[in-house]
Amino acid sequence: MPFKQWLAERLRPLSLGEQGERRAARYLRRHCKYRIVATRRRLRYGEFDVIAVDGRTVVFVEVK
């Protein structure tokens, strides 16, 4: 990806959904001590907003 395109993507304003997902991930990391593995992961069958790990447990989070 060219630098200009990368920079434009980083500087664009976040949508309300993206803001909520970031806040949810931050909350899980700080207050619940989860380790965030991935955010906004898209698959053929849908999308996971936040994927986190707590010990041996994998947690899939849908942010509304």
C-alpha atoms as a PDB file:
ATOM      1  CA  MET A   1       0.000   0.000   0.000  1.00  0.00           C
ATOM      2  CA  PRO A   2       1.455   3.391  -0.952  1.00  0.00           C
ATOM      3  CA  PHE A   3       2.351   5.700   1.913  1.00  0.00           C
ATOM      4  CA  LYS A   4      -0.210   8.381   0.983  1.00  0.00           C
ATOM      5  CA  GLN A   5      -3.037   5.863   0.945  1.00  0.00           C
ATOM      6  CA  TRP A   6      -1.881   4.351   4.246  1.00  0.00           C
ATOM      7  CA  LEU A   7      -1.668   7.788   5.870  1.00  0.00           C
ATOM      8  CA  ALA A   8      -5.112   8.843   4.598  1.00  0.00           C
ATOM      9  CA  GLU A   9      -6.603   5.644   6.067  1.00  0.00           C
ATOM     10  CA  ARG A  10      -4.985   6.316   9.450  1.00  0.00           C
ATOM     11  CA  LEU A  11      -6.147   9.952   9.581  1.00  0.00           C
ATOM     12  CA  ARG A  12      -9.774   9.477   8.515  1.00  0.00           C
ATOM     13  CA  PRO A  13     -12.424   9.988  11.213  1.00  0.00           C
ATOM     14  CA  LEU A  14     -13.685   6.798  12.856  1.00  0.00           C
ATOM     15  CA  SER A  15     -17.307   5.774  12.392  1.00  0.00           C
ATOM     16  CA  LEU A  16     -19.515   5.378  15.455  1.00  0.00           C
ATOM     17  CA  GLY A  17     -19.217   1.580  15.150  1.00  0.00           C
ATOM     18  CA  GLU A  18     -15.422   1.703  15.003  1.00  0.00           C
ATOM     19  CA  GLN A  19     -15.339   3.967  18.061  1.00  0.00           C
ATOM     20  CA  GLY A  20     -17.539   1.513  19.971  1.00  0.00           C
ATOM     21  CA  GLU A  21     -15.389  -1.447  19.008  1.00  0.00           C
ATOM     22  CA  ARG A  22     -12.227   0.320  20.148  1.00  0.00           C
ATOM     23  CA  ARG A  23     -13.834   1.295  23.465  1.00  0.00           C
ATOM     24  CA  ALA A  24     -15.063  -2.261  24.020  1.00  0.00           C
ATOM     25  CA  ALA A  25     -11.603  -3.681  23.326  1.00  0.00           C
ATOM     26  CA  ARG A  26     -10.013  -1.127  25.664  1.00  0.00           C
ATOM     27  CA  TYR A  27     -12.527  -1.985  28.412  1.00  0.00           C
ATOM     28  CA  LEU A  28     -11.907  -5.731  28.047  1.00  0.00           C
ATOM     29  CA  ARG A  29      -8.146  -5.192  28.127  1.00  0.00           C
ATOM     30  CA  ARG A  30      -8.080  -2.821  31.119  1.00  0.00           C
ATOM     31  CA  HIS A  31     -10.895  -4.029  33.376  1.00  0.00           C
ATOM     32  CA  CYS A  32     -11.318  -7.714  32.526  1.00  0.00           C
ATOM     33  CA  LYS A  33      -7.634  -8.408  31.782  1.00  0.00           C
ATOM     34  CA  TYR A  34      -8.385 -10.037  28.425  1.00  0.00           C
ATOM     35  CA  ARG A  35      -5.684 -10.181  25.773  1.00  0.00           C
ATOM     36  CA  ILE A  36      -7.072  -8.796  22.498  1.00  0.00           C
ATOM     37  CA  VAL A  37      -6.127 -11.079  19.607  1.00  0.00           C
ATOM     38  CA  ALA A  38      -7.958  -9.381  16.715  1.00  0.00           C
ATOM     39  CA  THR A  39     -10.498  -6.685  15.933  1.00  0.00           C
ATOM     40  CA  ARG A  40     -12.840  -6.281  12.966  1.00  0.00           C
ATOM     41  CA  ARG A  41     -11.973  -9.728  11.568  1.00  0.00           C
ATOM     42  CA  ARG A  42     -14.042 -10.527   8.471  1.00  0.00           C
ATOM     43  CA  LEU A  43     -14.718 -14.050   7.313  1.00  0.00           C
ATOM     44  CA  ARG A  44     -16.820 -15.599   4.577  1.00  0.00           C
ATOM     45  CA  TYR A  45     -19.771 -16.085   6.941  1.00  0.00           C
ATOM     46  CA  GLY A  46     -19.649 -12.798   8.872  1.00  0.00           C
ATOM     47  CA  GLU A  47     -17.541 -10.523  11.019  1.00  0.00           C
ATOM     48  CA  PHE A  48     -16.142 -10.645  14.548  1.00  0.00           C
ATOM     49  CA  ASP A  49     -15.820  -7.252  16.222  1.00  0.00           C
ATOM     50  CA  VAL A  50     -13.348  -8.321  18.929  1.00  0.00           C
ATOM     51  CA  ILE A  51     -11.593 -11.638  19.527  1.00  0.00           C
ATOM     52  CA  ALA A  52     -10.003 -11.913  22.964  1.00  0.00           C
ATOM     53  CA  VAL A  53      -8.316 -14.567  25.095  1.00  0.00           C
ATOM     54  CA  ASP A  54      -8.668 -15.156  28.833  1.00  0.00           C
ATOM     55  CA  GLY A  55      -6.304 -17.930  29.820  1.00  0.00           C
ATOM     56  CA  ARG A  56      -7.407 -20.911  27.715  1.00  0.00           C
ATOM     57  CA  THR A  57     -10.769 -19.407  26.793  1.00  0.00           C
ATOM     58  CA  VAL A  58     -11.320 -17.651  23.441  1.00  0.00           C
ATOM     59  CA  VAL A  59     -14.029 -14.967  23.557  1.00  0.00           C
ATOM     60  CA  PHE A  60     -15.823 -13.613  20.483  1.00  0.00           C
ATOM     61  CA  VAL A  61     -17.428 -10.212  21.138  1.00  0.00           C
ATOM     62  CA  GLU A  62     -20.185  -8.558  19.099  1.00  0.00           C
ATOM     63  CA  VAL A  63     -20.433  -4.825  19.831  1.00  0.00           C
ATOM     64  CA  LYS A  64     -23.842  -3.209  19.480  1.00  0.00           C
END
